[in-house]
N, C-alpha and C. Protein backbone atom coordinates (compact mmCIF):
# COMPACT_ATOMS: atom_id res chain seq x y z
N MET A 1 26.53 46.22 158.08
CA MET A 1 27.47 47.22 158.54
C MET A 1 28.04 46.88 159.92
N PHE A 2 27.13 46.58 160.88
CA PHE A 2 27.58 46.22 162.23
C PHE A 2 27.23 44.74 162.40
N ASP A 3 28.21 43.90 162.24
CA ASP A 3 28.02 42.45 162.45
C ASP A 3 28.59 42.06 163.76
N PHE A 4 27.71 41.74 164.73
CA PHE A 4 28.14 41.32 166.05
C PHE A 4 27.86 39.82 166.24
N SER A 5 28.80 39.17 166.91
CA SER A 5 28.56 37.78 167.25
C SER A 5 27.67 37.73 168.53
N PHE A 6 27.26 36.55 168.86
CA PHE A 6 26.36 36.39 170.05
C PHE A 6 27.02 36.74 171.34
N SER A 7 28.36 36.41 171.38
CA SER A 7 29.10 36.78 172.67
C SER A 7 29.27 38.27 172.84
N GLU A 8 29.44 38.97 171.72
CA GLU A 8 29.58 40.44 171.78
C GLU A 8 28.24 41.08 172.20
N ILE A 9 27.14 40.55 171.70
CA ILE A 9 25.79 41.10 172.10
C ILE A 9 25.57 40.81 173.55
N ALA A 10 25.92 39.60 174.03
CA ALA A 10 25.74 39.28 175.41
C ALA A 10 26.59 40.14 176.35
N LEU A 11 27.78 40.53 175.92
CA LEU A 11 28.57 41.45 176.69
C LEU A 11 27.96 42.85 176.71
N PHE A 12 27.43 43.28 175.63
CA PHE A 12 26.73 44.58 175.65
C PHE A 12 25.56 44.56 176.56
N VAL A 13 24.77 43.50 176.53
CA VAL A 13 23.60 43.39 177.44
C VAL A 13 24.07 43.41 178.87
N MET A 14 25.08 42.68 179.22
CA MET A 14 25.59 42.67 180.64
C MET A 14 26.05 44.05 181.04
N VAL A 15 26.75 44.74 180.18
CA VAL A 15 27.24 46.07 180.56
C VAL A 15 26.09 47.09 180.65
N ALA A 16 25.09 46.92 179.76
CA ALA A 16 23.90 47.76 179.89
C ALA A 16 23.17 47.49 181.10
N MET A 17 23.01 46.26 181.59
CA MET A 17 22.32 45.97 182.84
C MET A 17 23.04 46.54 184.05
N VAL A 18 24.30 46.68 183.96
CA VAL A 18 25.06 47.24 185.11
C VAL A 18 24.86 48.75 185.15
N PHE A 19 24.98 49.37 184.02
CA PHE A 19 24.96 50.85 183.99
C PHE A 19 23.58 51.47 183.79
N ILE A 20 22.67 50.71 183.22
CA ILE A 20 21.31 51.27 182.99
C ILE A 20 20.34 50.52 183.86
N ARG A 21 19.47 51.25 184.49
CA ARG A 21 18.49 50.63 185.39
C ARG A 21 17.56 49.73 184.57
N PRO A 22 17.08 48.59 185.14
CA PRO A 22 16.24 47.64 184.42
C PRO A 22 14.97 48.30 183.82
N LYS A 23 14.40 49.25 184.48
CA LYS A 23 13.17 49.83 183.91
C LYS A 23 13.46 50.76 182.75
N ASP A 24 14.73 51.27 182.62
CA ASP A 24 15.09 52.14 181.52
C ASP A 24 15.71 51.33 180.38
N LEU A 25 15.97 50.04 180.57
CA LEU A 25 16.57 49.19 179.57
C LEU A 25 15.79 49.11 178.28
N PRO A 26 14.47 48.90 178.28
CA PRO A 26 13.79 48.79 176.97
C PRO A 26 13.87 50.07 176.20
N VAL A 27 13.84 51.21 176.92
CA VAL A 27 13.93 52.52 176.17
C VAL A 27 15.31 52.70 175.58
N ALA A 28 16.36 52.27 176.23
CA ALA A 28 17.72 52.37 175.77
C ALA A 28 17.92 51.54 174.56
N ILE A 29 17.31 50.23 174.60
CA ILE A 29 17.48 49.37 173.49
C ILE A 29 16.75 49.88 172.26
N ARG A 30 15.52 50.46 172.48
CA ARG A 30 14.76 50.98 171.37
C ARG A 30 15.48 52.21 170.75
N THR A 31 16.09 53.04 171.62
CA THR A 31 16.90 54.24 171.13
C THR A 31 18.10 53.79 170.33
N LEU A 32 18.76 52.71 170.82
CA LEU A 32 19.90 52.22 170.14
C LEU A 32 19.56 51.63 168.78
N SER A 33 18.53 50.85 168.72
CA SER A 33 18.12 50.26 167.47
C SER A 33 17.66 51.31 166.42
N ASN A 34 16.94 52.38 166.88
CA ASN A 34 16.57 53.44 166.00
C ASN A 34 17.83 54.19 165.50
N GLY A 35 18.84 54.40 166.36
CA GLY A 35 19.98 55.03 165.92
C GLY A 35 20.75 54.23 164.86
N LEU A 36 20.83 52.88 165.08
CA LEU A 36 21.48 52.05 164.08
C LEU A 36 20.73 52.07 162.77
N LYS A 37 19.39 51.99 162.82
CA LYS A 37 18.61 52.04 161.58
C LYS A 37 18.87 53.43 160.84
N ALA A 38 18.87 54.51 161.62
CA ALA A 38 19.17 55.85 161.02
C ALA A 38 20.54 55.84 160.34
N MET A 39 21.46 55.25 161.03
CA MET A 39 22.85 55.25 160.46
C MET A 39 22.92 54.38 159.17
N ARG A 40 22.26 53.27 159.16
CA ARG A 40 22.22 52.43 157.96
C ARG A 40 21.53 53.17 156.82
N ARG A 41 20.41 53.86 157.12
CA ARG A 41 19.71 54.58 156.12
C ARG A 41 20.51 55.68 155.54
N MET A 42 21.24 56.43 156.37
CA MET A 42 22.10 57.48 155.87
C MET A 42 23.21 56.97 155.05
N ALA A 43 23.82 55.84 155.42
CA ALA A 43 24.87 55.27 154.66
C ALA A 43 24.37 54.82 153.24
N ALA A 44 23.22 54.21 153.21
CA ALA A 44 22.63 53.77 151.93
C ALA A 44 22.27 54.96 151.08
N GLU A 45 21.77 56.02 151.67
CA GLU A 45 21.40 57.19 150.94
C GLU A 45 22.67 57.93 150.40
N PHE A 46 23.69 57.94 151.21
CA PHE A 46 24.99 58.57 150.70
C PHE A 46 25.51 57.74 149.54
N GLN A 47 25.50 56.45 149.71
CA GLN A 47 25.99 55.61 148.59
C GLN A 47 25.19 55.78 147.27
N SER A 48 23.86 55.87 147.46
CA SER A 48 23.06 56.06 146.24
C SER A 48 23.29 57.48 145.68
N HIS A 49 23.54 58.52 146.49
CA HIS A 49 23.88 59.82 145.92
C HIS A 49 25.21 59.79 145.19
N VAL A 50 26.15 59.08 145.76
CA VAL A 50 27.50 59.05 145.03
C VAL A 50 27.36 58.35 143.72
N ASP A 51 26.56 57.18 143.74
CA ASP A 51 26.40 56.39 142.44
C ASP A 51 25.68 57.26 141.42
N GLU A 52 24.72 58.13 141.89
CA GLU A 52 23.99 58.95 141.02
C GLU A 52 24.90 60.04 140.41
N MET A 53 25.73 60.61 141.28
CA MET A 53 26.69 61.62 140.79
C MET A 53 27.64 61.05 139.74
N VAL A 54 28.09 59.77 140.03
CA VAL A 54 28.99 59.17 139.08
C VAL A 54 28.30 58.94 137.74
N ARG A 55 27.10 58.44 137.80
CA ARG A 55 26.30 58.25 136.57
C ARG A 55 26.04 59.63 135.83
N GLU A 56 25.71 60.64 136.61
CA GLU A 56 25.47 61.92 135.95
C GLU A 56 26.72 62.51 135.27
N ALA A 57 27.78 62.45 135.98
CA ALA A 57 29.02 63.08 135.49
C ALA A 57 29.81 62.14 134.55
N ASP A 58 29.35 60.91 134.41
CA ASP A 58 30.01 59.93 133.62
C ASP A 58 31.48 59.82 134.08
N LEU A 59 31.58 59.61 135.37
CA LEU A 59 32.96 59.39 135.94
C LEU A 59 33.40 57.93 136.05
N SER A 60 32.81 57.19 135.09
CA SER A 60 33.25 55.79 135.12
C SER A 60 34.71 55.59 134.78
N GLU A 61 35.21 56.52 133.95
CA GLU A 61 36.68 56.47 133.63
C GLU A 61 37.54 56.82 134.81
N ALA A 62 37.06 57.84 135.62
CA ALA A 62 37.72 58.15 136.86
C ALA A 62 37.66 57.00 137.86
N ARG A 63 36.55 56.29 137.88
CA ARG A 63 36.44 55.17 138.81
C ARG A 63 37.44 54.08 138.38
N ASP A 64 37.54 53.89 137.08
CA ASP A 64 38.49 52.86 136.57
C ASP A 64 39.90 53.26 136.92
N GLN A 65 40.22 54.55 136.78
CA GLN A 65 41.56 55.00 137.09
C GLN A 65 41.83 54.88 138.57
N PHE A 66 40.83 55.16 139.35
CA PHE A 66 40.98 54.95 140.81
C PHE A 66 41.25 53.48 141.19
N ARG A 67 40.49 52.57 140.53
CA ARG A 67 40.67 51.14 140.76
C ARG A 67 42.05 50.72 140.30
N ASP A 68 42.54 51.27 139.18
CA ASP A 68 43.92 50.95 138.68
C ASP A 68 44.93 51.51 139.67
N LEU A 69 44.65 52.71 140.26
CA LEU A 69 45.59 53.23 141.26
C LEU A 69 45.63 52.39 142.47
N LYS A 70 44.56 51.79 142.91
CA LYS A 70 44.58 50.86 144.05
C LYS A 70 45.35 49.62 143.73
N ASN A 71 45.31 49.14 142.46
CA ASN A 71 46.05 47.94 142.04
C ASN A 71 47.41 48.22 141.49
N PHE A 72 47.91 49.51 141.69
CA PHE A 72 49.14 49.89 141.08
C PHE A 72 50.34 49.15 141.72
N ASN A 73 51.28 48.66 140.88
CA ASN A 73 52.41 47.87 141.36
C ASN A 73 53.63 48.65 140.85
N LEU A 74 54.27 49.35 141.73
CA LEU A 74 55.44 50.15 141.35
C LEU A 74 56.65 49.28 140.76
N ARG A 75 56.81 48.16 141.35
CA ARG A 75 57.93 47.33 140.91
C ARG A 75 57.77 46.87 139.51
N ASP A 76 56.55 46.50 139.14
CA ASP A 76 56.31 45.96 137.76
C ASP A 76 56.47 47.16 136.80
N ARG A 77 56.01 48.30 137.18
CA ARG A 77 56.07 49.48 136.28
C ARG A 77 57.57 49.91 136.01
N VAL A 78 58.32 49.89 137.13
CA VAL A 78 59.74 50.22 136.97
C VAL A 78 60.49 49.17 136.16
N THR A 79 60.17 47.96 136.42
CA THR A 79 60.83 46.85 135.66
C THR A 79 60.49 46.98 134.15
N LYS A 80 59.18 47.28 133.88
CA LYS A 80 58.76 47.36 132.51
C LYS A 80 59.45 48.58 131.81
N ALA A 81 59.65 49.71 132.56
CA ALA A 81 60.29 50.91 132.01
C ALA A 81 61.73 50.64 131.71
N ILE A 82 62.44 49.92 132.64
CA ILE A 82 63.87 49.76 132.46
C ILE A 82 64.17 48.60 131.51
N ASP A 83 63.47 47.50 131.74
CA ASP A 83 63.80 46.26 130.93
C ASP A 83 62.51 45.79 130.27
N GLY A 84 62.04 46.50 129.24
CA GLY A 84 60.78 46.05 128.64
C GLY A 84 60.78 44.72 127.97
N ASP A 85 61.91 44.35 127.36
CA ASP A 85 61.93 43.01 126.68
C ASP A 85 62.60 41.93 127.57
N ASN A 86 62.87 42.20 128.81
CA ASN A 86 63.40 41.23 129.76
C ASN A 86 64.76 40.72 129.40
N SER A 87 65.48 41.49 128.63
CA SER A 87 66.89 40.98 128.22
C SER A 87 67.83 41.08 129.43
N ILE A 88 67.72 42.08 130.27
CA ILE A 88 68.56 42.25 131.41
C ILE A 88 68.23 41.05 132.37
N ARG A 89 66.96 40.77 132.60
CA ARG A 89 66.58 39.68 133.51
C ARG A 89 67.13 38.35 133.02
N ARG A 90 66.99 38.07 131.74
CA ARG A 90 67.52 36.80 131.18
C ARG A 90 69.01 36.72 131.32
N SER A 91 69.73 37.81 131.16
CA SER A 91 71.19 37.78 131.23
C SER A 91 71.65 37.59 132.64
N LEU A 92 70.80 37.99 133.66
CA LEU A 92 71.24 37.79 135.05
C LEU A 92 70.74 36.53 135.70
N GLU A 93 69.96 35.74 135.01
CA GLU A 93 69.42 34.51 135.57
C GLU A 93 70.54 33.49 135.77
N LEU A 94 70.53 32.77 136.83
CA LEU A 94 71.49 31.71 137.08
C LEU A 94 71.11 30.44 136.31
N GLY A 95 72.08 29.72 135.93
CA GLY A 95 71.84 28.49 135.26
C GLY A 95 71.72 28.62 133.74
N THR A 96 71.65 29.79 133.22
CA THR A 96 71.62 29.94 131.77
C THR A 96 73.01 29.98 131.24
N PRO A 97 73.26 29.40 130.08
CA PRO A 97 74.65 29.49 129.61
C PRO A 97 74.96 30.93 129.07
N ALA A 98 76.15 31.30 129.31
CA ALA A 98 76.56 32.63 128.93
C ALA A 98 76.71 32.63 127.37
N LYS A 99 76.27 33.69 126.72
CA LYS A 99 76.34 33.79 125.31
C LYS A 99 77.78 34.09 124.85
N ALA A 100 78.51 34.90 125.67
CA ALA A 100 79.85 35.25 125.29
C ALA A 100 80.84 34.17 125.78
N SER A 101 81.73 33.75 124.92
CA SER A 101 82.76 32.77 125.29
C SER A 101 84.10 33.49 125.45
N ALA A 102 85.07 32.77 125.94
CA ALA A 102 86.42 33.39 126.16
C ALA A 102 87.02 33.72 124.84
N ALA A 103 86.63 33.05 123.74
CA ALA A 103 87.22 33.45 122.45
C ALA A 103 86.75 34.79 121.97
N ASP A 104 85.51 35.21 122.39
CA ASP A 104 84.96 36.49 122.01
C ASP A 104 85.57 37.66 122.68
N LEU A 105 86.25 37.43 123.84
CA LEU A 105 86.81 38.52 124.60
C LEU A 105 88.02 39.07 123.89
N PRO A 106 88.32 40.38 124.07
CA PRO A 106 89.53 40.91 123.43
C PRO A 106 90.76 40.44 124.08
N LYS A 107 91.85 40.29 123.31
CA LYS A 107 93.12 39.76 123.77
C LYS A 107 93.88 40.93 124.44
N VAL A 108 94.46 40.65 125.56
CA VAL A 108 95.24 41.60 126.34
C VAL A 108 96.78 41.25 126.17
N PRO A 109 97.55 42.16 125.74
CA PRO A 109 99.00 41.81 125.58
C PRO A 109 99.62 41.52 126.94
N PRO A 110 100.64 40.66 127.00
CA PRO A 110 101.29 40.39 128.26
C PRO A 110 102.00 41.69 128.76
N ALA A 111 102.18 41.74 130.05
CA ALA A 111 102.87 42.86 130.67
C ALA A 111 104.34 42.83 130.31
N PRO A 112 104.94 44.00 130.10
CA PRO A 112 106.39 43.97 129.79
C PRO A 112 107.18 43.58 131.01
N PRO A 113 108.34 43.03 130.79
CA PRO A 113 109.19 42.67 131.95
C PRO A 113 109.62 43.87 132.81
N LEU A 114 109.79 43.62 134.05
CA LEU A 114 110.23 44.69 134.99
C LEU A 114 111.68 45.08 134.73
N PRO A 115 111.99 46.31 134.77
CA PRO A 115 113.45 46.75 134.56
C PRO A 115 114.26 46.25 135.73
N PRO A 116 115.48 45.98 135.56
CA PRO A 116 116.34 45.61 136.68
C PRO A 116 116.48 46.72 137.71
N PRO A 117 116.57 46.40 138.94
CA PRO A 117 116.73 47.47 139.94
C PRO A 117 118.03 48.26 139.77
N PRO A 118 117.98 49.53 139.93
CA PRO A 118 119.21 50.32 139.75
C PRO A 118 120.20 50.02 140.85
N LEU A 119 121.43 50.15 140.54
CA LEU A 119 122.51 49.90 141.54
C LEU A 119 122.72 51.24 142.25
N THR A 120 122.42 51.24 143.50
CA THR A 120 122.58 52.52 144.27
C THR A 120 123.38 52.20 145.50
N ASP A 121 123.77 53.18 146.17
CA ASP A 121 124.43 53.12 147.45
C ASP A 121 123.46 52.49 148.48
N LEU A 122 123.96 51.60 149.33
CA LEU A 122 123.05 50.96 150.28
C LEU A 122 122.56 51.87 151.34
N GLU A 123 123.22 53.04 151.55
CA GLU A 123 122.78 53.98 152.57
C GLU A 123 121.48 54.69 152.14
N THR A 124 121.22 54.84 150.84
CA THR A 124 120.00 55.54 150.36
C THR A 124 118.87 54.58 150.23
N VAL A 125 119.13 53.30 150.20
CA VAL A 125 118.05 52.31 150.10
C VAL A 125 117.42 52.05 151.44
N PRO A 126 116.13 51.95 151.54
CA PRO A 126 115.48 51.66 152.87
C PRO A 126 116.00 50.37 153.42
N TYR A 127 115.98 50.22 154.72
CA TYR A 127 116.50 49.07 155.36
C TYR A 127 115.92 47.78 154.89
N ASN A 128 114.51 47.78 154.77
CA ASN A 128 113.87 46.54 154.42
C ASN A 128 113.98 46.22 152.90
N ALA A 129 114.51 47.13 152.11
CA ALA A 129 114.76 46.83 150.68
C ALA A 129 116.22 46.42 150.39
N ARG A 130 117.09 46.50 151.37
CA ARG A 130 118.46 46.12 151.15
C ARG A 130 118.59 44.64 151.03
N PRO A 131 119.57 44.17 150.23
CA PRO A 131 119.80 42.72 150.12
C PRO A 131 120.34 42.19 151.44
N GLN A 132 119.94 41.08 151.81
CA GLN A 132 120.37 40.46 153.09
C GLN A 132 121.62 39.56 152.81
N PHE A 133 122.71 39.82 153.50
CA PHE A 133 123.89 39.04 153.40
C PHE A 133 124.11 38.20 154.64
N GLU A 134 124.57 37.05 154.42
CA GLU A 134 124.91 36.14 155.54
C GLU A 134 126.30 36.60 156.08
N PRO A 135 126.45 36.77 157.44
CA PRO A 135 127.79 37.08 157.93
C PRO A 135 128.74 35.96 157.80
N ALA A 136 129.96 36.22 157.46
CA ALA A 136 130.95 35.19 157.33
C ALA A 136 131.19 34.50 158.69
N ALA A 137 131.47 33.19 158.68
CA ALA A 137 131.65 32.48 159.92
C ALA A 137 132.98 32.82 160.61
N ASP A 138 134.04 33.26 159.85
CA ASP A 138 135.29 33.57 160.46
C ASP A 138 135.41 34.95 161.03
N ILE A 139 134.44 35.83 160.73
CA ILE A 139 134.49 37.24 161.25
C ILE A 139 133.76 37.22 162.56
N PRO A 140 134.54 37.69 163.63
CA PRO A 140 133.77 37.74 164.91
C PRO A 140 132.74 38.84 164.93
N VAL A 141 131.56 38.48 165.46
CA VAL A 141 130.50 39.50 165.51
C VAL A 141 130.41 40.10 166.95
N GLU A 142 130.56 41.41 166.96
CA GLU A 142 130.54 42.05 168.33
C GLU A 142 129.08 42.27 168.73
N PRO A 143 128.74 42.02 169.89
CA PRO A 143 127.34 42.25 170.32
C PRO A 143 127.09 43.73 170.35
N GLU A 144 125.99 44.14 169.73
CA GLU A 144 125.63 45.57 169.68
C GLU A 144 124.93 45.96 170.99
N PRO A 145 125.21 47.16 171.43
CA PRO A 145 124.57 47.62 172.61
C PRO A 145 123.01 47.73 172.40
N GLU A 146 122.23 47.51 173.45
CA GLU A 146 120.84 47.55 173.30
C GLU A 146 120.44 49.01 172.92
N PRO A 147 119.65 49.18 171.86
CA PRO A 147 119.31 50.53 171.43
C PRO A 147 118.30 51.21 172.28
N ASN A 148 117.60 50.46 173.13
CA ASN A 148 116.50 51.05 173.89
C ASN A 148 116.90 51.10 175.43
N ASP A 149 118.21 51.17 175.76
CA ASP A 149 118.56 51.23 177.16
C ASP A 149 118.10 52.53 177.81
N ASP A 150 117.99 53.63 177.08
CA ASP A 150 117.60 54.85 177.67
C ASP A 150 116.12 55.01 177.96
N VAL A 151 115.26 54.10 177.36
CA VAL A 151 113.82 54.14 177.53
C VAL A 151 113.28 52.90 178.29
N VAL A 152 114.11 52.34 179.21
CA VAL A 152 113.64 51.17 179.96
C VAL A 152 112.47 51.46 180.83
N ASP A 153 112.40 52.66 181.35
CA ASP A 153 111.31 53.05 182.29
C ASP A 153 110.04 53.39 181.55
N ALA A 154 110.07 53.54 180.30
CA ALA A 154 108.85 54.01 179.54
C ALA A 154 107.86 52.86 179.42
N PRO A 155 106.59 53.18 179.32
CA PRO A 155 105.60 52.06 179.13
C PRO A 155 105.98 51.28 177.87
N SER A 156 105.73 49.99 177.92
CA SER A 156 106.04 49.15 176.79
C SER A 156 105.12 49.33 175.61
N ILE A 157 104.05 50.00 175.72
CA ILE A 157 103.15 50.29 174.61
C ILE A 157 103.66 51.35 173.73
N LEU A 158 104.53 52.20 174.24
CA LEU A 158 105.07 53.28 173.47
C LEU A 158 106.24 52.81 172.59
N PRO A 159 106.31 53.27 171.30
CA PRO A 159 107.55 53.00 170.54
C PRO A 159 108.69 53.72 171.13
N PRO A 160 109.90 53.14 170.98
CA PRO A 160 111.08 53.75 171.60
C PRO A 160 111.30 55.21 171.09
N SER A 161 111.06 55.53 169.83
CA SER A 161 111.24 56.85 169.38
C SER A 161 110.31 57.82 170.06
N THR A 162 109.08 57.44 170.31
CA THR A 162 108.14 58.31 170.98
C THR A 162 108.52 58.50 172.41
N ALA A 163 108.94 57.43 173.05
CA ALA A 163 109.44 57.50 174.42
C ALA A 163 110.60 58.43 174.62
N ARG A 164 111.55 58.32 173.68
CA ARG A 164 112.69 59.26 173.74
C ARG A 164 112.21 60.74 173.51
N ARG A 165 111.36 60.97 172.67
CA ARG A 165 110.85 62.35 172.45
C ARG A 165 110.19 62.89 173.69
N LEU A 166 109.35 62.02 174.26
CA LEU A 166 108.63 62.52 175.45
C LEU A 166 109.54 62.75 176.64
N LEU A 167 110.61 61.91 176.81
CA LEU A 167 111.56 62.12 177.81
C LEU A 167 112.34 63.41 177.65
N HIS A 168 112.62 63.74 176.34
CA HIS A 168 113.29 64.95 176.02
C HIS A 168 112.50 66.19 176.29
N GLU A 169 111.16 66.11 176.03
CA GLU A 169 110.26 67.25 176.16
C GLU A 169 109.66 67.40 177.58
N ARG A 170 109.99 66.48 178.47
CA ARG A 170 109.37 66.44 179.76
C ARG A 170 109.67 67.78 180.62
N SER A 171 110.83 68.33 180.36
CA SER A 171 111.17 69.55 181.14
C SER A 171 110.28 70.73 180.69
N ARG A 172 109.68 70.71 179.50
CA ARG A 172 108.85 71.80 179.07
C ARG A 172 107.39 71.60 179.27
N TRP A 173 107.01 70.54 179.90
CA TRP A 173 105.59 70.25 180.17
C TRP A 173 105.09 71.21 181.18
N ARG A 174 103.82 71.65 180.99
CA ARG A 174 103.17 72.50 182.01
C ARG A 174 101.67 72.30 181.76
N ALA A 175 100.91 72.68 182.79
CA ALA A 175 99.46 72.53 182.75
C ALA A 175 98.91 73.56 181.72
N PRO A 176 97.76 73.23 181.13
CA PRO A 176 97.11 74.17 180.14
C PRO A 176 96.83 75.49 180.81
N ASP A 177 96.83 76.55 180.03
CA ASP A 177 96.58 77.87 180.58
C ASP A 177 95.08 78.07 180.95
N ILE A 178 94.23 77.23 180.41
CA ILE A 178 92.83 77.45 180.73
C ILE A 178 92.42 76.87 182.08
N LEU A 179 93.31 76.05 182.66
CA LEU A 179 92.99 75.51 184.05
C LEU A 179 93.41 76.55 185.08
N PRO A 180 92.60 76.72 186.12
CA PRO A 180 93.04 77.63 187.18
C PRO A 180 94.18 77.02 188.01
N PRO A 181 94.98 77.89 188.64
CA PRO A 181 96.07 77.32 189.40
C PRO A 181 95.60 76.48 190.59
N VAL A 182 96.42 75.51 190.99
CA VAL A 182 96.06 74.66 192.02
C VAL A 182 96.29 75.43 193.34
N ARG A 183 95.35 75.44 194.23
CA ARG A 183 95.38 76.14 195.50
C ARG A 183 95.20 75.11 196.65
N ALA A 184 95.89 75.46 197.72
CA ALA A 184 95.77 74.66 198.95
C ALA A 184 95.57 75.58 200.11
N ILE A 185 95.04 75.06 201.19
CA ILE A 185 94.84 75.83 202.39
C ILE A 185 96.03 75.57 203.31
N HIS A 186 96.79 76.62 203.61
CA HIS A 186 97.93 76.50 204.46
C HIS A 186 97.83 77.57 205.57
N ALA A 187 97.76 77.10 206.79
CA ALA A 187 97.66 77.92 207.95
C ALA A 187 96.46 78.85 207.80
N GLY A 188 95.36 78.30 207.30
CA GLY A 188 94.09 79.06 207.26
C GLY A 188 93.95 79.94 206.08
N ARG A 189 94.99 79.96 205.21
CA ARG A 189 94.93 80.82 204.04
C ARG A 189 95.06 80.05 202.73
N ARG A 190 94.46 80.56 201.68
CA ARG A 190 94.59 79.86 200.36
C ARG A 190 95.95 80.24 199.77
N VAL A 191 96.65 79.28 199.41
CA VAL A 191 97.99 79.48 198.84
C VAL A 191 98.06 78.78 197.48
N THR A 192 98.57 79.47 196.43
CA THR A 192 98.75 78.91 195.13
C THR A 192 99.98 78.04 195.14
N ILE A 193 99.79 76.83 194.61
CA ILE A 193 100.96 75.89 194.55
C ILE A 193 101.70 76.19 193.20
N ALA A 194 102.99 76.28 193.22
CA ALA A 194 103.79 76.62 192.06
C ALA A 194 103.58 75.53 191.07
N SER A 195 103.22 75.83 189.82
CA SER A 195 103.05 74.88 188.77
C SER A 195 104.13 74.93 187.71
N GLY A 196 105.07 75.78 187.92
CA GLY A 196 106.17 75.90 186.99
C GLY A 196 105.93 76.78 185.77
N LYS A 197 104.73 77.47 185.73
CA LYS A 197 104.50 78.31 184.62
C LYS A 197 104.62 79.78 185.05
N ASP A 198 105.32 80.53 184.29
CA ASP A 198 105.55 81.99 184.48
C ASP A 198 105.96 82.31 185.88
N GLY A 199 106.80 81.50 186.51
CA GLY A 199 107.41 81.80 187.80
C GLY A 199 106.47 81.79 188.99
N GLU A 200 105.35 81.03 188.84
CA GLU A 200 104.45 80.89 189.99
C GLU A 200 104.97 79.87 190.93
């Protein structure tokens, strides 16, 4: 039950010599050995009582079930329940030739041809779907004005349409109503700075 090596016993002896006086050491060793013997005797007695109860109640079947429970392998049980004849495992193994060939697969009819695109007015067709025409060499091309001249000061990360909308809405911007008004100390008094909301 208690298997100690020589080094562990030597360590116990050294600790006992430090904490127990030398004249009390034989008494402590005798008490410890009697305690160990009593513990071994109680363990053997308990084991014999359990074995006797098993024999009396004929619980050998329960003992076998308990041993089976300790050796229970969930993965094997689930595999056996799902794939008892290992047909799924064999079909998923690599390197085995497939039983079904391309000739066994059902034939799929070819897709019908796409209808020609309807002829519509170019104004209703999206810009990127319009046919691209090469400009004639003899027609002079006038340079178009830059479409983003009005948003030159906007950050370059904003799209021009967003920048135009923000510039248009700038006059209606105001601080949220949940924020208190900004106050400053002027001539020793607190004065609310006009924020543009409700005539402040």
